[in-house]
Amino acid sequence: MNNRRRKYLISIVVVLFLIWFIADAVNESGVQDLKGDFTEVAFYRNENNTGPIVRIYAVTLTDTLWQQMEQYGNFMPHTKYGTTKVYFFLQGKPIPKEVYPGEENFPAGLQKDCLARYEKNTMGTASFRKYPFL
């Protein structure tokens, strides 16, 4: 095999790998692929970029799709030694207008309307609990 042919084959292989990598990155599944019409209605993230990052979400959906809720939580960003909490509510029911840090992350009067809570703790361990306030 001459040098010119070898360079041509190597170029084709490199281009094919690039196409494959780009296609794989573009076709990555995400929140938009889940059933349930998830809508983020409130979000909190602390300003502390040197310590643990705290993220809290309130999300609505159209039905009690437990597996989809847990997958949604898995898609949410998480920082090592930080925490991520996602609270799920049915669309059309009372929902929090804002979420905030602390023991209670939204008004106590809305706890009865919370379908589930997904939480990833500081060690990266995820938990999913149906009806967490009942």
Protein backbone atom coordinates (compact mmCIF):
# COMPACT_ATOMS: atom_id res chain seq x y z
CA MET A 1 0.00 0.00 0.00
CA ASN A 2 1.43 3.35 -0.92
CA ASN A 3 1.52 6.39 1.35
CA ARG A 4 -1.17 8.27 -0.49
CA ARG A 5 -3.68 5.43 -0.22
CA ARG A 6 -2.86 4.92 3.46
CA LYS A 7 -3.44 8.63 4.23
CA TYR A 8 -6.73 8.46 2.33
CA LEU A 9 -7.93 5.46 4.37
CA ILE A 10 -6.86 7.03 7.65
CA SER A 11 -8.71 10.23 6.71
CA ILE A 12 -11.89 8.27 5.96
CA VAL A 13 -11.68 6.43 9.29
CA VAL A 14 -11.16 9.71 11.18
CA VAL A 15 -14.12 11.35 9.41
CA LEU A 16 -16.35 8.34 10.15
CA PHE A 17 -15.38 8.46 13.83
CA LEU A 18 -16.12 12.20 13.97
CA ILE A 19 -19.54 11.66 12.38
CA TRP A 20 -20.25 8.87 14.86
CA PHE A 21 -19.21 10.99 17.87
CA ILE A 22 -21.29 13.98 16.73
CA ALA A 23 -24.36 11.82 16.00
CA ASP A 24 -24.04 10.16 19.41
CA ALA A 25 -23.81 13.53 21.17
CA VAL A 26 -26.79 14.97 19.31
CA ASN A 27 -28.99 11.92 19.93
CA GLU A 28 -28.37 11.83 23.69
CA SER A 29 -31.64 11.27 25.54
CA GLY A 30 -32.78 13.88 28.02
CA VAL A 31 -35.71 15.39 29.89
CA GLN A 32 -37.47 16.24 26.61
CA ASP A 33 -37.76 12.51 25.81
CA LEU A 34 -39.75 11.67 28.96
CA LYS A 35 -43.53 11.20 28.99
CA GLY A 36 -45.54 13.40 31.32
CA ASP A 37 -44.99 16.91 29.95
CA PHE A 38 -42.58 17.95 32.73
CA THR A 39 -42.44 21.69 33.40
CA GLU A 40 -40.03 23.35 35.82
CA VAL A 41 -42.03 25.93 37.79
CA ALA A 42 -39.52 26.95 40.48
CA PHE A 43 -35.76 26.64 40.95
CA TYR A 44 -33.25 27.56 43.62
CA ARG A 45 -29.44 27.35 43.50
CA ASN A 46 -27.23 28.82 46.17
CA GLU A 47 -24.53 31.29 45.21
CA ASN A 48 -21.78 29.40 47.02
CA ASN A 49 -19.42 28.22 44.29
CA THR A 50 -16.66 27.26 46.74
CA GLY A 51 -18.70 24.90 48.91
CA PRO A 52 -21.55 22.49 48.42
CA ILE A 53 -23.99 23.46 45.68
CA VAL A 54 -27.67 23.20 46.65
CA ARG A 55 -30.21 22.80 43.85
CA ILE A 56 -33.96 22.60 44.49
CA TYR A 57 -36.61 22.20 41.78
CA ALA A 58 -40.40 22.20 41.73
CA VAL A 59 -41.74 20.45 38.65
CA THR A 60 -45.23 19.76 37.32
CA LEU A 61 -46.36 16.85 35.18
CA THR A 62 -49.60 15.52 33.71
CA ASP A 63 -49.79 12.10 35.40
CA THR A 64 -48.27 10.01 38.20
CA LEU A 65 -45.58 8.40 36.08
CA TRP A 66 -43.28 7.22 38.86
CA GLN A 67 -40.49 5.81 36.68
CA GLN A 68 -40.49 8.92 34.52
CA MET A 69 -40.22 11.12 37.64
CA GLU A 70 -37.22 9.17 38.88
CA GLN A 71 -35.56 9.40 35.46
CA TYR A 72 -36.25 13.15 35.43
CA GLY A 73 -34.44 13.44 38.75
CA ASN A 74 -31.51 11.46 37.36
CA PHE A 75 -31.23 13.94 34.48
CA MET A 76 -30.95 16.94 36.82
CA PRO A 77 -27.46 18.36 37.42
CA HIS A 78 -25.62 17.32 40.54
CA THR A 79 -22.31 18.54 41.94
CA LYS A 80 -19.99 16.38 44.00
CA TYR A 81 -20.67 17.08 47.70
CA GLY A 82 -23.77 19.08 46.71
CA THR A 83 -27.45 18.20 46.94
CA THR A 84 -30.19 18.13 44.35
CA LYS A 85 -33.88 17.90 45.26
CA VAL A 86 -36.80 17.70 42.86
CA TYR A 87 -40.40 17.99 44.06
CA PHE A 88 -43.15 16.79 41.70
CA PHE A 89 -46.68 18.22 41.48
CA LEU A 90 -49.63 17.53 39.18
CA GLN A 91 -50.44 20.21 36.63
CA GLY A 92 -53.65 22.04 37.53
CA LYS A 93 -53.15 21.50 41.27
CA PRO A 94 -51.63 24.05 43.72
CA ILE A 95 -47.89 24.43 43.14
CA PRO A 96 -45.16 26.47 44.83
CA LYS A 97 -44.28 29.75 43.17
CA GLU A 98 -40.76 29.54 44.62
CA VAL A 99 -38.52 27.07 46.42
CA TYR A 100 -35.91 27.92 49.02
CA PRO A 101 -33.19 26.26 51.12
CA GLY A 102 -33.64 24.84 54.58
CA GLU A 103 -35.68 22.07 56.15
CA GLU A 104 -38.85 23.10 54.32
CA ASN A 105 -38.25 23.99 50.68
CA PHE A 106 -41.72 25.37 49.91
CA PRO A 107 -44.80 26.45 51.93
CA ALA A 108 -46.07 23.70 54.25
CA GLY A 109 -49.61 24.15 52.95
CA LEU A 110 -48.55 22.67 49.61
CA GLN A 111 -47.01 19.51 51.06
CA LYS A 112 -50.26 17.55 50.61
CA ASP A 113 -50.09 18.27 46.86
CA CYS A 114 -46.53 16.96 46.45
CA LEU A 115 -46.58 13.65 44.54
CA ALA A 116 -42.94 12.68 44.99
CA ARG A 117 -39.48 13.85 45.97
CA TYR A 118 -36.25 12.89 44.26
CA GLU A 119 -33.07 13.64 46.18
CA LYS A 120 -29.41 13.11 45.43
CA ASN A 121 -27.32 13.67 48.54
CA THR A 122 -23.76 14.88 49.09
CA MET A 123 -22.33 11.41 48.39
CA GLY A 124 -24.26 11.09 45.12
CA THR A 125 -26.76 8.56 46.47
CA ALA A 126 -30.18 9.04 44.91
CA SER A 127 -33.51 8.38 46.61
CA PHE A 128 -37.04 8.62 45.26
CA ARG A 129 -40.04 8.76 47.57
CA LYS A 130 -43.72 8.77 46.60
CA TYR A 131 -45.96 11.07 48.67
CA PRO A 132 -43.06 12.22 50.91
CA PHE A 133 -45.21 14.31 53.28
CA LEU A 134 -48.02 11.84 54.00
